[in-house]
C-alpha cells in the first residue's frame, strides 16, 4: 500500500501550478526539488500569483480541501492600486458581483481588512510602480475559489490587484518559506492546521 506524502511550497511568481511546462512559463518540475511521481498540486495558483501551494498523492485530502461544501478558508495578501478604503472593504466582505465565463456571480461573504505591507521577498520581476498612483495592502479570506476571483473582486471595487500572495490555507501558513522553498509535512502535523478530520 502506497504511503501518502504531503509537501508545502512557496510557488514563485510566473510559475505554473503543474509539472508540465507551457510556453515560456516554468513549471513545478523546474524547482530544485524532486517530488514523488504520483504527487500533484491541490488546487492551483495562477502563474501571476504567488504563495502557499500544497502537493500530495492523497486524493481524499484533495477532495476535502476543494469541494465547495467544506468551505475551506484560503487567505491572501493583496497589493492593490490606490488606498483601499472602508467602503471597498465592506463590499468585499458582503460580496461583489463578478463575471465568470460570461456569467454574473455574487461572491460569498468574505473576511477583508487593510494591513501593513507584509514582510515578503521582492517579486521577480518587480511590480511596475507608478509614482503618481499610491498602493496599499489588504488581507482577504475566501471560502470559494472561482477563476481569478481575488483579482476580479478587487477590480470590482475599483482597486486593481498588483500583487497576489496566498498566505494561508485554513491555519496552515506560509511562515518563513521563501519563493521556491519546499517543505515536507507529516499528516499528524498538517491535518489539524488544515482543519481536516479523518476517521
Protein backbone atom coordinates (compact mmCIF):
# COMPACT_ATOMS: atom_id res chain seq x y z
CA UNK A 1 0.00 0.00 0.00
CA UNK A 2 1.41 3.35 -1.04
CA UNK A 3 2.03 5.85 1.75
CA UNK A 4 0.70 9.38 1.50
CA UNK A 5 3.18 12.25 1.20
CA UNK A 6 2.49 15.92 1.84
CA UNK A 7 4.55 18.90 0.69
CA UNK A 8 4.01 22.64 1.02
CA UNK A 9 5.81 25.21 -1.07
CA UNK A 10 6.02 28.90 -1.83
CA UNK A 11 5.10 28.99 -5.51
CA UNK A 12 7.09 31.76 -7.18
CA UNK A 13 5.60 34.40 -9.47
CA UNK A 14 5.46 33.29 -13.10
CA UNK A 15 5.44 29.56 -12.35
CA UNK A 16 2.58 27.27 -13.40
CA UNK A 17 0.84 25.15 -10.74
CA UNK A 18 1.58 21.98 -12.71
CA UNK A 19 4.55 19.79 -13.56
CA UNK A 20 4.47 20.23 -17.35
CA UNK A 21 5.79 23.42 -18.93
CA UNK A 22 3.72 25.56 -21.28
CA UNK A 23 5.39 28.14 -23.48
CA UNK A 24 7.88 30.29 -21.59
CA UNK A 25 6.38 29.62 -18.16
CA UNK A 26 8.43 27.47 -15.76
CA UNK A 27 6.59 24.64 -14.01
CA UNK A 28 6.87 22.81 -10.68
CA UNK A 29 9.31 20.39 -12.32
CA UNK A 30 11.77 23.32 -12.56
CA UNK A 31 12.04 23.63 -8.77
CA UNK A 32 15.22 22.34 -7.14
CA UNK A 33 13.23 19.51 -5.57
CA UNK A 34 12.23 16.06 -6.77
CA UNK A 35 8.60 15.26 -5.94
CA UNK A 36 7.29 11.67 -5.99
CA UNK A 37 5.82 10.83 -9.41
CA UNK A 38 2.28 10.34 -8.06
CA UNK A 39 2.04 13.73 -6.31
CA UNK A 40 0.01 16.62 -7.70
CA UNK A 41 -0.99 20.12 -6.56
CA UNK A 42 -4.18 20.57 -4.55
CA UNK A 43 -5.92 23.34 -6.46
CA UNK A 44 -3.87 25.93 -8.24
CA UNK A 45 -2.45 29.40 -8.18
CA UNK A 46 -2.36 31.33 -11.45
CA UNK A 47 1.09 31.86 -12.92
CA UNK A 48 0.96 35.53 -11.89
CA UNK A 49 0.02 34.69 -8.29
CA UNK A 50 2.41 33.52 -5.58
CA UNK A 51 2.37 31.75 -2.28
CA UNK A 52 1.25 28.64 -0.47
CA UNK A 53 0.64 25.53 -2.55
CA UNK A 54 0.05 22.01 -1.25
CA UNK A 55 1.27 18.98 -3.20
CA UNK A 56 0.25 15.43 -2.31
CA UNK A 57 -0.73 11.98 -3.57
CA UNK A 58 -3.66 11.92 -1.10
CA UNK A 59 -6.70 12.27 -3.36
CA UNK A 60 -9.04 12.23 -0.37
CA UNK A 61 -7.38 15.35 1.01
CA UNK A 62 -7.69 16.98 -2.40
CA UNK A 63 -11.46 16.38 -2.28
CA UNK A 64 -11.84 17.67 1.29
CA UNK A 65 -9.97 20.89 0.54
CA UNK A 66 -11.50 21.69 -2.85
CA UNK A 67 -15.14 20.56 -2.61
CA UNK A 68 -17.23 23.74 -2.05
CA UNK A 69 -19.39 22.00 0.58
CA UNK A 70 -16.46 22.04 3.05
CA UNK A 71 -15.94 25.82 2.69
CA UNK A 72 -12.22 25.64 3.43
CA UNK A 73 -10.84 29.13 4.01
CA UNK A 74 -7.93 30.43 1.97
CA UNK A 75 -6.25 33.69 2.91
CA UNK A 76 -4.49 36.08 0.54
CA UNK A 77 -2.30 39.15 0.88
CA UNK A 78 -3.28 41.53 -1.89
CA UNK A 79 -1.40 44.61 -3.02
CA UNK A 80 -3.80 46.93 -4.82
CA UNK A 81 -3.54 50.15 -6.77
CA UNK A 82 -4.83 53.04 -4.67
CA UNK A 83 -5.53 53.42 -0.94
CA UNK A 84 -8.10 50.76 -0.07
CA UNK A 85 -11.00 52.32 1.87
CA UNK A 86 -13.69 51.11 4.28
CA UNK A 87 -16.36 51.21 1.59
CA UNK A 88 -14.39 48.79 -0.60
CA UNK A 89 -13.59 46.57 2.41
CA UNK A 90 -17.31 46.41 3.21
CA UNK A 91 -18.17 45.43 -0.36
CA UNK A 92 -15.54 42.69 -0.39
CA UNK A 93 -16.90 41.32 2.88
CA UNK A 94 -20.57 41.35 1.89
CA UNK A 95 -19.96 40.05 -1.65
CA UNK A 96 -19.45 41.70 -5.02
CA UNK A 97 -20.74 40.82 -8.46
CA UNK A 98 -18.09 39.47 -10.79
CA UNK A 99 -18.20 37.81 -14.20
CA UNK A 100 -17.12 34.17 -14.54
CA UNK A 101 -17.12 32.76 -18.08
CA UNK A 102 -19.55 35.48 -19.13
CA UNK A 103 -21.98 34.74 -16.27
CA UNK A 104 -22.66 37.02 -13.32
CA UNK A 105 -21.60 35.65 -9.95
CA UNK A 106 -22.17 37.19 -6.50
CA UNK A 107 -19.23 36.24 -4.31
CA UNK A 108 -19.85 34.64 -0.92
CA UNK A 109 -19.27 36.71 2.23
CA UNK A 110 -15.53 37.06 2.89
CA UNK A 111 -13.23 38.49 5.54
CA UNK A 112 -11.28 41.57 4.50
CA UNK A 113 -9.10 44.12 6.27
CA UNK A 114 -6.45 46.65 5.37
CA UNK A 115 -2.95 45.62 6.52
CA UNK A 116 0.57 46.98 6.53
CA UNK A 117 2.79 45.65 3.73
CA UNK A 118 3.73 42.10 4.78
CA UNK A 119 7.37 41.04 5.06
CA UNK A 120 7.70 39.40 1.66
CA UNK A 121 10.71 38.97 -0.60
CA UNK A 122 10.82 41.28 -3.59
CA UNK A 123 8.92 39.89 -6.51
CA UNK A 124 10.91 38.86 -9.58
CA UNK A 125 10.23 40.70 -11.83
CA UNK A 126 9.27 43.57 -9.50
CA UNK A 127 5.90 45.35 -9.57
CA UNK A 128 5.85 48.26 -12.02
CA UNK A 129 5.22 51.24 -9.77
CA UNK A 130 3.59 54.45 -10.94
CA UNK A 131 4.89 57.33 -8.88
CA UNK A 132 1.65 59.27 -9.04
CA UNK A 133 -0.53 56.30 -8.01
CA UNK A 134 -0.34 55.04 -4.40
CA UNK A 135 -0.76 51.40 -3.45
CA UNK A 136 -1.93 49.55 -0.35
CA UNK A 137 -2.34 46.04 1.04
CA UNK A 138 -5.28 44.06 2.29
CA UNK A 139 -5.83 40.59 3.70
CA UNK A 140 -8.71 38.72 2.09
CA UNK A 141 -10.04 35.35 3.28
CA UNK A 142 -12.36 33.38 0.99
CA UNK A 143 -14.23 30.08 1.20
CA UNK A 144 -14.71 29.75 -2.57
CA UNK A 145 -12.22 29.68 -5.42
CA UNK A 146 -13.60 30.89 -8.73
CA UNK A 147 -11.18 31.58 -11.58
CA UNK A 148 -9.08 34.68 -10.78
CA UNK A 149 -11.62 35.53 -8.10
CA UNK A 150 -9.48 37.80 -5.92
CA UNK A 151 -8.39 39.91 -8.89
CA UNK A 152 -11.97 40.16 -10.14
CA UNK A 153 -13.20 41.14 -6.66
CA UNK A 154 -10.71 43.95 -6.06
CA UNK A 155 -11.23 45.25 -9.60
CA UNK A 156 -15.00 45.31 -8.97
CA UNK A 157 -14.42 47.67 -6.03
CA UNK A 158 -12.14 49.95 -8.06
CA UNK A 159 -8.80 48.72 -6.70
CA UNK A 160 -6.93 46.60 -9.29
CA UNK A 161 -4.64 43.90 -7.90
CA UNK A 162 -0.89 44.48 -8.38
CA UNK A 163 0.47 41.51 -6.41
CA UNK A 164 -1.33 38.47 -5.04
CA UNK A 165 0.13 36.06 -2.47
CA UNK A 166 -1.75 33.16 -0.86
CA UNK A 167 -0.61 33.31 2.76
CA UNK A 168 -2.67 30.52 4.34
CA UNK A 169 -4.98 27.54 3.79
CA UNK A 170 -7.12 27.29 6.95
CA UNK A 171 -4.46 27.60 9.72
CA UNK A 172 -1.58 26.35 7.55
CA UNK A 173 0.56 29.42 6.95
CA UNK A 174 3.32 30.37 4.53
CA UNK A 175 5.55 31.08 7.52
CA UNK A 176 9.22 31.58 6.70
CA UNK A 177 9.13 29.82 3.33
CA UNK A 178 10.79 31.76 0.52
CA UNK A 179 9.86 31.55 -3.19
CA UNK A 180 10.78 28.08 -4.45
CA UNK A 181 11.15 26.57 -0.96
CA UNK A 182 9.57 23.13 -0.41
CA UNK A 183 8.86 21.52 2.96
CA UNK A 184 7.54 18.00 3.60
CA UNK A 185 4.98 17.66 6.39
CA UNK A 186 3.58 14.77 8.38
CA UNK A 187 -0.20 14.24 8.33
CA UNK A 188 -0.35 14.47 12.15
CA UNK A 189 1.10 17.97 11.92
CA UNK A 190 -0.67 19.00 8.73
CA UNK A 191 -4.28 17.88 9.21
CA UNK A 192 -5.01 19.90 12.40
CA UNK A 193 -3.69 23.04 10.67
CA UNK A 194 -5.93 22.33 7.67
CA UNK A 195 -8.88 21.53 9.99
CA UNK A 196 -9.14 18.11 8.39
CA UNK A 197 -10.61 15.23 10.38
CA UNK A 198 -10.01 11.67 9.30
CA UNK A 199 -11.81 8.67 10.77
